[in-house]
PDB file of N, CA and C in Angstrom:
ATOM      1  N   MET A   1       0.843  -1.177   0.000  1.00  0.00           N
ATOM      2  CA  MET A   1       0.000   0.000   0.000  1.00  0.00           C
ATOM      3  C   MET A   1       0.892   1.245   0.000  1.00  0.00           C
ATOM      4  N   LYS A   2       0.580   2.151  -0.888  1.00  0.00           N
ATOM      5  CA  LYS A   2       1.367   3.374  -1.012  1.00  0.00           C
ATOM      6  C   LYS A   2       0.836   4.424  -0.044  1.00  0.00           C
ATOM      7  N   ALA A   3       1.747   5.032   0.713  1.00  0.00           N
ATOM      8  CA  ALA A   3       1.356   6.056   1.683  1.00  0.00           C
ATOM      9  C   ALA A   3       0.963   7.337   0.958  1.00  0.00           C
ATOM     10  N   LYS A   4      -0.092   7.956   1.459  1.00  0.00           N
ATOM     11  CA  LYS A   4      -0.559   9.224   0.890  1.00  0.00           C
ATOM     12  C   LYS A   4       0.263  10.354   1.492  1.00  0.00           C
ATOM     13  N   ARG A   5       0.747  11.235   0.653  1.00  0.00           N
ATOM     14  CA  ARG A   5       1.545  12.365   1.115  1.00  0.00           C
ATOM     15  C   ARG A   5       0.628  13.563   1.347  1.00  0.00           C
ATOM     16  N   ILE A   6       0.804  14.171   2.492  1.00  0.00           N
ATOM     17  CA  ILE A   6       0.015  15.355   2.847  1.00  0.00           C
ATOM     18  C   ILE A   6       0.992  16.455   3.241  1.00  0.00           C
ATOM     19  N   ALA A   7       0.802  17.628   2.680  1.00  0.00           N
ATOM     20  CA  ALA A   7       1.683  18.760   2.999  1.00  0.00           C
ATOM     21  C   ALA A   7       1.388  19.247   4.415  1.00  0.00           C
ATOM     22  N   LEU A   8       2.446  19.607   5.142  1.00  0.00           N
ATOM     23  CA  LEU A   8       2.301  20.096   6.513  1.00  0.00           C
ATOM     24  C   LEU A   8       1.386  21.315   6.567  1.00  0.00           C
ATOM     25  N   LYS A   9       1.525  22.223   5.606  1.00  0.00           N
ATOM     26  CA  LYS A   9       0.691  23.427   5.602  1.00  0.00           C
ATOM     27  C   LYS A   9      -0.793  23.075   5.514  1.00  0.00           C
ATOM     28  N   ASP A  10      -1.115  21.999   4.819  1.00  0.00           N
ATOM     29  CA  ASP A  10      -2.518  21.572   4.709  1.00  0.00           C
ATOM     30  C   ASP A  10      -3.028  20.998   6.029  1.00  0.00           C
ATOM     31  N   VAL A  11      -2.173  20.264   6.722  1.00  0.00           N
ATOM     32  CA  VAL A  11      -2.536  19.708   8.024  1.00  0.00           C
ATOM     33  C   VAL A  11      -2.750  20.843   9.019  1.00  0.00           C
ATOM     34  N   ILE A  12      -1.830  21.806   9.039  1.00  0.00           N
ATOM     35  CA  ILE A  12      -1.951  22.939   9.964  1.00  0.00           C
ATOM     36  C   ILE A  12      -3.204  23.744   9.657  1.00  0.00           C
ATOM     37  N   LYS A  13      -3.467  23.999   8.384  1.00  0.00           N
ATOM     38  CA  LYS A  13      -4.665  24.750   7.994  1.00  0.00           C
ATOM     39  C   LYS A  13      -5.927  24.067   8.526  1.00  0.00           C
ATOM     40  N   LYS A  14      -5.969  22.757   8.423  1.00  0.00           N
ATOM     41  CA  LYS A  14      -7.124  22.000   8.922  1.00  0.00           C
ATOM     42  C   LYS A  14      -7.202  22.083  10.444  1.00  0.00           C
ATOM     43  N   GLU A  15      -6.070  21.892  11.116  1.00  0.00           N
ATOM     44  CA  GLU A  15      -6.042  21.896  12.576  1.00  0.00           C
ATOM     45  C   GLU A  15      -6.362  23.272  13.163  1.00  0.00           C
ATOM     46  N   LEU A  16      -6.011  24.338  12.446  1.00  0.00           N
ATOM     47  CA  LEU A  16      -6.269  25.694  12.943  1.00  0.00           C
ATOM     48  C   LEU A  16      -7.762  25.995  13.085  1.00  0.00           C
ATOM     49  N   LYS A  17      -8.587  25.176  12.501  1.00  0.00           N
ATOM     50  CA  LYS A  17     -10.046  25.346  12.654  1.00  0.00           C
ATOM     51  C   LYS A  17     -10.497  24.989  14.064  1.00  0.00           C
ATOM     52  N   ASP A  18      -9.684  24.197  14.775  1.00  0.00           N
ATOM     53  CA  ASP A  18      -9.964  23.852  16.166  1.00  0.00           C
ATOM     54  C   ASP A  18      -9.466  24.997  17.043  1.00  0.00           C
ATOM     55  N   SER A  19     -10.344  25.588  17.842  1.00  0.00           N
ATOM     56  CA  SER A  19      -9.996  26.783  18.613  1.00  0.00           C
ATOM     57  C   SER A  19      -8.869  26.529  19.620  1.00  0.00           C
ATOM     58  N   GLU A  20      -8.867  25.384  20.267  1.00  0.00           N
ATOM     59  CA  GLU A  20      -7.818  25.095  21.246  1.00  0.00           C
ATOM     60  C   GLU A  20      -6.462  24.941  20.556  1.00  0.00           C
ATOM     61  N   PHE A  21      -6.436  24.190  19.465  1.00  0.00           N
ATOM     62  CA  PHE A  21      -5.199  24.029  18.704  1.00  0.00           C
ATOM     63  C   PHE A  21      -4.714  25.392  18.214  1.00  0.00           C
ATOM     64  N   SER A  22      -5.623  26.187  17.689  1.00  0.00           N
ATOM     65  CA  SER A  22      -5.298  27.507  17.160  1.00  0.00           C
ATOM     66  C   SER A  22      -4.678  28.394  18.243  1.00  0.00           C
ATOM     67  N   PHE A  23      -5.258  28.379  19.447  1.00  0.00           N
ATOM     68  CA  PHE A  23      -4.733  29.175  20.555  1.00  0.00           C
ATOM     69  C   PHE A  23      -3.290  28.805  20.860  1.00  0.00           C
ATOM     70  N   TYR A  24      -3.022  27.518  21.024  1.00  0.00           N
ATOM     71  CA  TYR A  24      -1.670  27.078  21.379  1.00  0.00           C
ATOM     72  C   TYR A  24      -0.687  27.267  20.219  1.00  0.00           C
ATOM     73  N   PHE A  25      -1.151  27.081  19.006  1.00  0.00           N
ATOM     74  CA  PHE A  25      -0.310  27.295  17.834  1.00  0.00           C
ATOM     75  C   PHE A  25       0.115  28.760  17.763  1.00  0.00           C
ATOM     76  N   GLN A  26      -0.829  29.675  17.936  1.00  0.00           N
ATOM     77  CA  GLN A  26      -0.521  31.106  17.884  1.00  0.00           C
ATOM     78  C   GLN A  26       0.398  31.519  19.045  1.00  0.00           C
ATOM     79  N   HIS A  27       0.178  30.913  20.215  1.00  0.00           N
ATOM     80  CA  HIS A  27       1.034  31.202  21.367  1.00  0.00           C
ATOM     81  C   HIS A  27       2.483  30.807  21.065  1.00  0.00           C
ATOM     82  N   GLU A  28       2.670  29.611  20.554  1.00  0.00           N
ATOM     83  CA  GLU A  28       4.018  29.137  20.211  1.00  0.00           C
ATOM     84  C   GLU A  28       4.643  30.001  19.124  1.00  0.00           C
ATOM     85  N   LYS A  29       3.832  30.415  18.177  1.00  0.00           N
ATOM     86  CA  LYS A  29       4.311  31.280  17.099  1.00  0.00           C
ATOM     87  C   LYS A  29       4.788  32.622  17.668  1.00  0.00           C
ATOM     88  N   SER A  30       4.050  33.160  18.635  1.00  0.00           N
ATOM     89  CA  SER A  30       4.434  34.429  19.271  1.00  0.00           C
ATOM     90  C   SER A  30       5.730  34.286  20.049  1.00  0.00           C
ATOM     91  N   ILE A  31       5.870  33.213  20.802  1.00  0.00           N
ATOM     92  CA  ILE A  31       7.091  32.966  21.577  1.00  0.00           C
ATOM     93  C   ILE A  31       8.295  32.866  20.634  1.00  0.00           C
ATOM     94  N   SER A  32       8.119  32.166  19.528  1.00  0.00           N
ATOM     95  CA  SER A  32       9.210  32.031  18.550  1.00  0.00           C
ATOM     96  C   SER A  32       9.572  33.382  17.944  1.00  0.00           C
ATOM     97  N   LYS A  33       8.575  34.198  17.680  1.00  0.00           N
ATOM     98  CA  LYS A  33       8.833  35.515  17.093  1.00  0.00           C
ATOM     99  C   LYS A  33       9.581  36.407  18.084  1.00  0.00           C
ATOM    100  N   ILE A  34       9.171  36.384  19.345  1.00  0.00           N
ATOM    101  CA  ILE A  34       9.867  37.161  20.378  1.00  0.00           C
ATOM    102  C   ILE A  34      11.320  36.709  20.473  1.00  0.00           C
ATOM    103  N   ALA A  35      11.543  35.410  20.479  1.00  0.00           N
ATOM    104  CA  ALA A  35      12.902  34.863  20.560  1.00  0.00           C
ATOM    105  C   ALA A  35      13.751  35.370  19.403  1.00  0.00           C
ATOM    106  N   ARG A  36      13.212  35.295  18.211  1.00  0.00           N
ATOM    107  CA  ARG A  36      13.939  35.720  17.018  1.00  0.00           C
ATOM    108  C   ARG A  36      14.232  37.226  17.049  1.00  0.00           C
ATOM    109  N   LEU A  37      13.233  38.019  17.459  1.00  0.00           N
ATOM    110  CA  LEU A  37      13.407  39.466  17.520  1.00  0.00           C
ATOM    111  C   LEU A  37      14.506  39.874  18.511  1.00  0.00           C
ATOM    112  N   ILE A  38      14.493  39.250  19.690  1.00  0.00           N
ATOM    113  CA  ILE A  38      15.502  39.579  20.701  1.00  0.00           C
ATOM    114  C   ILE A  38      16.898  39.193  20.211  1.00  0.00           C
ATOM    115  N   ARG A  39      17.024  37.987  19.696  1.00  0.00           N
ATOM    116  CA  ARG A  39      18.335  37.529  19.218  1.00  0.00           C
ATOM    117  C   ARG A  39      18.834  38.409  18.077  1.00  0.00           C
ATOM    118  N   ASP A  40      17.987  38.681  17.090  1.00  0.00           N
ATOM    119  CA  ASP A  40      18.395  39.493  15.947  1.00  0.00           C
ATOM    120  C   ASP A  40      18.803  40.904  16.381  1.00  0.00           C
ATOM    121  N   ALA A  41      18.037  41.496  17.298  1.00  0.00           N
ATOM    122  CA  ALA A  41      18.347  42.848  17.778  1.00  0.00           C
ATOM    123  C   ALA A  41      19.665  42.859  18.540  1.00  0.00           C
ATOM    124  N   ARG A  42      19.868  41.847  19.382  1.00  0.00           N
ATOM    125  CA  ARG A  42      21.118  41.770  20.151  1.00  0.00           C
ATOM    126  C   ARG A  42      22.313  41.638  19.219  1.00  0.00           C
ATOM    127  N   LEU A  43      22.200  40.787  18.219  1.00  0.00           N
ATOM    128  CA  LEU A  43      23.298  40.603  17.271  1.00  0.00           C
ATOM    129  C   LEU A  43      23.538  41.868  16.440  1.00  0.00           C
ATOM    130  N   LYS A  44      22.462  42.565  16.099  1.00  0.00           N
ATOM    131  CA  LYS A  44      22.590  43.811  15.342  1.00  0.00           C
ATOM    132  C   LYS A  44      23.369  44.858  16.147  1.00  0.00           C
ATOM    133  N   VAL A  45      23.100  44.913  17.464  1.00  0.00           N
ATOM    134  CA  VAL A  45      23.806  45.847  18.337  1.00  0.00           C
ATOM    135  C   VAL A  45      25.240  45.366  18.577  1.00  0.00           C
ATOM    136  N   GLY A  46      25.463  44.062  18.450  1.00  0.00           N
ATOM    137  CA  GLY A  46      26.807  43.509  18.593  1.00  0.00           C
ATOM    138  C   GLY A  46      27.227  43.261  20.026  1.00  0.00           C
ATOM    139  N   ILE A  47      26.275  42.806  20.858  1.00  0.00           N
ATOM    140  CA  ILE A  47      26.604  42.506  22.254  1.00  0.00           C
ATOM    141  C   ILE A  47      26.287  41.049  22.565  1.00  0.00           C
ATOM    142  N   THR A  48      26.878  40.571  23.647  1.00  0.00           N
ATOM    143  CA  THR A  48      26.643  39.197  24.079  1.00  0.00           C
ATOM    144  C   THR A  48      25.353  39.114  24.901  1.00  0.00           C
ATOM    145  N   GLN A  49      24.929  37.899  25.147  1.00  0.00           N
ATOM    146  CA  GLN A  49      23.770  37.693  26.024  1.00  0.00           C
ATOM    147  C   GLN A  49      24.052  38.261  27.411  1.00  0.00           C
ATOM    148  N   ALA A  50      25.256  38.060  27.896  1.00  0.00           N
ATOM    149  CA  ALA A  50      25.627  38.559  29.230  1.00  0.00           C
ATOM    150  C   ALA A  50      25.574  40.085  29.278  1.00  0.00           C
ATOM    151  N   GLU A  51      26.038  40.737  28.216  1.00  0.00           N
ATOM    152  CA  GLU A  51      25.994  42.202  28.174  1.00  0.00           C
ATOM    153  C   GLU A  51      24.552  42.708  28.132  1.00  0.00           C
ATOM    154  N   LEU A  52      23.731  42.054  27.322  1.00  0.00           N
ATOM    155  CA  LEU A  52      22.323  42.435  27.262  1.00  0.00           C
ATOM    156  C   LEU A  52      21.664  42.238  28.617  1.00  0.00           C
ATOM    157  N   ALA A  53      21.940  41.125  29.249  1.00  0.00           N
ATOM    158  CA  ALA A  53      21.365  40.834  30.563  1.00  0.00           C
ATOM    159  C   ALA A  53      21.734  41.915  31.574  1.00  0.00           C
ATOM    160  N   ALA A  54      22.987  42.302  31.596  1.00  0.00           N
ATOM    161  CA  ALA A  54      23.436  43.332  32.539  1.00  0.00           C
ATOM    162  C   ALA A  54      22.726  44.658  32.268  1.00  0.00           C
ATOM    163  N   ARG A  55      22.617  45.024  31.006  1.00  0.00           N
ATOM    164  CA  ARG A  55      21.957  46.276  30.648  1.00  0.00           C
ATOM    165  C   ARG A  55      20.462  46.250  30.987  1.00  0.00           C
ATOM    166  N   ALA A  56      19.851  45.068  30.854  1.00  0.00           N
ATOM    167  CA  ALA A  56      18.408  44.924  31.097  1.00  0.00           C
ATOM    168  C   ALA A  56      18.094  44.541  32.538  1.00  0.00           C
ATOM    169  N   LYS A  57      19.132  44.461  33.371  1.00  0.00           N
ATOM    170  CA  LYS A  57      18.978  44.100  34.788  1.00  0.00           C
ATOM    171  C   LYS A  57      18.251  42.756  34.960  1.00  0.00           C
ATOM    172  N   THR A  58      18.802  41.764  34.269  1.00  0.00           N
ATOM    173  CA  THR A  58      18.312  40.391  34.393  1.00  0.00           C
ATOM    174  C   THR A  58      19.534  39.488  34.295  1.00  0.00           C
ATOM    175  N   SER A  59      19.328  38.204  34.159  1.00  0.00           N
ATOM    176  CA  SER A  59      20.468  37.279  34.073  1.00  0.00           C
ATOM    177  C   SER A  59      20.670  36.805  32.637  1.00  0.00           C
ATOM    178  N   GLN A  60      21.880  36.339  32.378  1.00  0.00           N
ATOM    179  CA  GLN A  60      22.192  35.784  31.064  1.00  0.00           C
ATOM    180  C   GLN A  60      21.329  34.560  30.801  1.00  0.00           C
ATOM    181  N   THR A  61      21.013  33.818  31.850  1.00  0.00           N
ATOM    182  CA  THR A  61      20.166  32.634  31.715  1.00  0.00           C
ATOM    183  C   THR A  61      18.784  33.012  31.186  1.00  0.00           C
ATOM    184  N   VAL A  62      18.228  34.113  31.679  1.00  0.00           N
ATOM    185  CA  VAL A  62      16.915  34.573  31.211  1.00  0.00           C
ATOM    186  C   VAL A  62      16.984  34.931  29.726  1.00  0.00           C
ATOM    187  N   ILE A  63      18.031  35.653  29.330  1.00  0.00           N
ATOM    188  CA  ILE A  63      18.184  36.033  27.925  1.00  0.00           C
ATOM    189  C   ILE A  63      18.334  34.777  27.053  1.00  0.00           C
ATOM    190  N   ALA A  64      19.141  33.837  27.496  1.00  0.00           N
ATOM    191  CA  ALA A  64      19.332  32.589  26.740  1.00  0.00           C
ATOM    192  C   ALA A  64      18.018  31.836  26.589  1.00  0.00           C
ATOM    193  N   ARG A  65      17.246  31.770  27.675  1.00  0.00           N
ATOM    194  CA  ARG A  65      15.943  31.091  27.633  1.00  0.00           C
ATOM    195  C   ARG A  65      15.015  31.773  26.641  1.00  0.00           C
ATOM    196  N   LEU A  66      14.974  33.104  26.681  1.00  0.00           N
ATOM    197  CA  LEU A  66      14.114  33.851  25.759  1.00  0.00           C
ATOM    198  C   LEU A  66      14.525  33.617  24.314  1.00  0.00           C
ATOM    199  N   GLU A  67      15.823  33.699  24.059  1.00  0.00           N
ATOM    200  CA  GLU A  67      16.310  33.536  22.696  1.00  0.00           C
ATOM    201  C   GLU A  67      16.142  32.117  22.164  1.00  0.00           C
ATOM    202  N   SER A  68      16.075  31.150  23.054  1.00  0.00           N
ATOM    203  CA  SER A  68      15.934  29.760  22.612  1.00  0.00           C
ATOM    204  C   SER A  68      14.549  29.491  22.030  1.00  0.00           C
ATOM    205  N   GLY A  69      13.550  30.221  22.524  1.00  0.00           N
ATOM    206  CA  GLY A  69      12.187  30.014  22.045  1.00  0.00           C
ATOM    207  C   GLY A  69      11.525  28.768  22.583  1.00  0.00           C
ATOM    208  N   ILE A  70      12.197  28.049  23.482  1.00  0.00           N
ATOM    209  CA  ILE A  70      11.610  26.815  24.006  1.00  0.00           C
ATOM    210  C   ILE A  70      11.034  26.981  25.411  1.00  0.00           C
ATOM    211  N   ASP A  71      11.245  28.160  25.989  1.00  0.00           N
ATOM    212  CA  ASP A  71      10.695  28.430  27.320  1.00  0.00           C
ATOM    213  C   ASP A  71       9.190  28.608  27.176  1.00  0.00           C
ATOM    214  N   LYS A  72       8.425  27.904  27.963  1.00  0.00           N
ATOM    215  CA  LYS A  72       6.966  27.962  27.873  1.00  0.00           C
ATOM    216  C   LYS A  72       6.387  29.219  28.520  1.00  0.00           C
ATOM    217  N   ARG A  73       7.207  29.896  29.316  1.00  0.00           N
ATOM    218  CA  ARG A  73       6.726  31.115  29.968  1.00  0.00           C
ATOM    219  C   ARG A  73       6.732  32.271  28.981  1.00  0.00           C
ATOM    220  N   THR A  74       5.719  33.102  29.069  1.00  0.00           N
ATOM    221  CA  THR A  74       5.645  34.292  28.242  1.00  0.00           C
ATOM    222  C   THR A  74       6.341  35.428  28.980  1.00  0.00           C
ATOM    223  N   PRO A  75       7.286  36.111  28.325  1.00  0.00           N
ATOM    224  CA  PRO A  75       7.993  37.194  29.018  1.00  0.00           C
ATOM    225  C   PRO A  75       7.047  38.347  29.343  1.00  0.00           C
ATOM    226  N   SER A  76       7.278  38.983  30.472  1.00  0.00           N
ATOM    227  CA  SER A  76       6.428  40.109  30.870  1.00  0.00           C
ATOM    228  C   SER A  76       6.729  41.327  30.002  1.00  0.00           C
ATOM    229  N   LEU A  77       5.770  42.225  29.928  1.00  0.00           N
ATOM    230  CA  LEU A  77       5.987  43.472  29.202  1.00  0.00           C
ATOM    231  C   LEU A  77       7.108  44.275  29.845  1.00  0.00           C
ATOM    232  N   ASP A  78       7.205  44.211  31.175  1.00  0.00           N
ATOM    233  CA  ASP A  78       8.274  44.907  31.882  1.00  0.00           C
ATOM    234  C   ASP A  78       9.647  44.414  31.410  1.00  0.00           C
ATOM    235  N   LEU A  79       9.818  43.108  31.333  1.00  0.00           N
ATOM    236  CA  LEU A  79      11.089  42.540  30.884  1.00  0.00           C
ATOM    237  C   LEU A  79      11.364  42.921  29.434  1.00  0.00           C
ATOM    238  N   LEU A  80      10.365  42.823  28.583  1.00  0.00           N
ATOM    239  CA  LEU A  80      10.551  43.175  27.181  1.00  0.00           C
ATOM    240  C   LEU A  80      10.909  44.655  27.023  1.00  0.00           C
ATOM    241  N   GLU A  81      10.309  45.511  27.849  1.00  0.00           N
ATOM    242  CA  GLU A  81      10.617  46.939  27.808  1.00  0.00           C
ATOM    243  C   GLU A  81      12.060  47.189  28.259  1.00  0.00           C
ATOM    244  N   ARG A  82      12.504  46.498  29.296  1.00  0.00           N
ATOM    245  CA  ARG A  82      13.890  46.646  29.764  1.00  0.00           C
ATOM    246  C   ARG A  82      14.878  46.183  28.692  1.00  0.00           C
ATOM    247  N   ILE A  83      14.538  45.094  28.014  1.00  0.00           N
ATOM    248  CA  ILE A  83      15.396  44.581  26.940  1.00  0.00           C
ATOM    249  C   ILE A  83      15.431  45.593  25.790  1.00  0.00           C
ATOM    250  N   ALA A  84      14.279  46.122  25.436  1.00  0.00           N
ATOM    251  CA  ALA A  84      14.229  47.120  24.356  1.00  0.00           C
ATOM    252  C   ALA A  84      15.095  48.330  24.690  1.00  0.00           C
ATOM    253  N   ARG A  85      14.941  48.836  25.912  1.00  0.00           N
ATOM    254  CA  ARG A  85      15.750  49.992  26.330  1.00  0.00           C
ATOM    255  C   ARG A  85      17.236  49.652  26.298  1.00  0.00           C
ATOM    256  N   ALA A  86      17.581  48.451  26.750  1.00  0.00           N
ATOM    257  CA  ALA A  86      18.981  48.022  26.762  1.00  0.00           C
ATOM    258  C   ALA A  86      19.552  47.970  25.345  1.00  0.00           C
ATOM    259  N   LEU A  87      18.692  47.726  24.370  1.00  0.00           N
ATOM    260  CA  LEU A  87      19.108  47.658  22.972  1.00  0.00           C
ATOM    261  C   LEU A  87      18.921  48.988  22.251  1.00  0.00           C
ATOM    262  N   LYS A  88      18.507  50.020  23.028  1.00  0.00           N
ATOM    263  CA  LYS A  88      18.216  51.339  22.460  1.00  0.00           C
ATOM    264  C   LYS A  88      17.165  51.233  21.358  1.00  0.00           C
ATOM    265  N   ALA A  89      16.147  50.443  21.671  1.00  0.00           N
ATOM    266  CA  ALA A  89      15.045  50.201  20.742  1.00  0.00           C
ATOM    267  C   ALA A  89      13.730  50.590  21.415  1.00  0.00           C
ATOM    268  N   LYS A  90      12.685  50.623  20.647  1.00  0.00           N
ATOM    269  CA  LYS A  90      11.350  50.935  21.149  1.00  0.00           C
ATOM    270  C   LYS A  90      10.493  49.677  21.040  1.00  0.00           C
ATOM    271  N   LEU A  91       9.874  49.299  22.147  1.00  0.00           N
ATOM    272  CA  LEU A  91       8.994  48.133  22.142  1.00  0.00           C
ATOM    273  C   LEU A  91       7.653  48.543  21.545  1.00  0.00           C
ATOM    274  N   LEU A  92       7.203  47.809  20.546  1.00  0.00           N
ATOM    275  CA  LEU A  92       5.908  48.054  19.918  1.00  0.00           C
ATOM    276  C   LEU A  92       5.023  46.838  20.123  1.00  0.00           C
ATOM    277  N   VAL A  93       3.780  47.077  20.496  1.00  0.00           N
ATOM    278  CA  VAL A  93       2.806  46.001  20.673  1.00  0.00           C
ATOM    279  C   VAL A  93       1.630  46.326  19.760  1.00  0.00           C
ATOM    280  N   SER A  94       1.133  45.349  19.055  1.00  0.00           N
ATOM    281  CA  SER A  94       0.013  45.602  18.156  1.00  0.00           C
ATOM    282  C   SER A  94      -0.947  44.421  18.152  1.00  0.00           C
ATOM    283  N   PHE A  95      -2.096  44.642  17.572  1.00  0.00           N
ATOM    284  CA  PHE A  95      -3.091  43.599  17.375  1.00  0.00           C
ATOM    285  C   PHE A  95      -3.222  43.361  15.872  1.00  0.00           C
ATOM    286  N   GLU A  96      -3.343  42.108  15.510  1.00  0.00           N
ATOM    287  CA  GLU A  96      -3.568  41.763  14.114  1.00  0.00           C
ATOM    288  C   GLU A  96      -4.939  41.110  14.037  1.00  0.00           C
ATOM    289  N   TYR A  97      -5.798  41.668  13.245  1.00  0.00           N
ATOM    290  CA  TYR A  97      -7.176  41.173  13.176  1.00  0.00           C
ATOM    291  C   TYR A  97      -7.318  40.086  12.118  1.00  0.00           C
ATOM    292  N   GLN A  98      -7.992  39.011  12.519  1.00  0.00           N
ATOM    293  CA  GLN A  98      -8.174  37.867  11.634  1.00  0.00           C
ATOM    294  C   GLN A  98      -9.486  37.918  10.869  1.00  0.00           C
ATOM    295  N   GLY A  99     -10.370  38.794  11.271  1.00  0.00           N
ATOM    296  CA  GLY A  99     -11.669  38.888  10.626  1.00  0.00           C
ATOM    297  C   GLY A  99     -12.495  39.961  11.287  1.00  0.00           C
ATOM    298  N   ILE A 100     -13.744  39.964  11.011  1.00  0.00           N
ATOM    299  CA  ILE A 100     -14.644  40.961  11.585  1.00  0.00           C
ATOM    300  C   ILE A 100     -14.938  40.606  13.027  1.00  0.00           C
ATOM    301  N   LEU A 101     -14.860  41.615  13.896  1.00  0.00           N
ATOM    302  CA  LEU A 101     -15.122  41.395  15.314  1.00  0.00           C
ATOM    303  C   LEU A 101     -16.590  41.472  15.610  1.00  0.00           C
TER     304      LEU A 101
END
């Protein structure tokens, strides 16, 4: 019997119709985006995790956890604001609408 091939994007599209799956999928997507943004900004400024941590008044371990994207905890706005200031950046928060409210 030949296995049927299904594209991952098609599976995700189907699963996103489930509200619980959609919630957790979007949460993980947000955590990954935060991780990428922090790492990219830090590298752009040209500092180490330890230097960023010192400037943001946190630990290098916290910065490493955030940048890894595998920490299940969502960083606080206070921490993100301190990191932004440490990077001489402005923290922006926005809403993206998926449809009519």
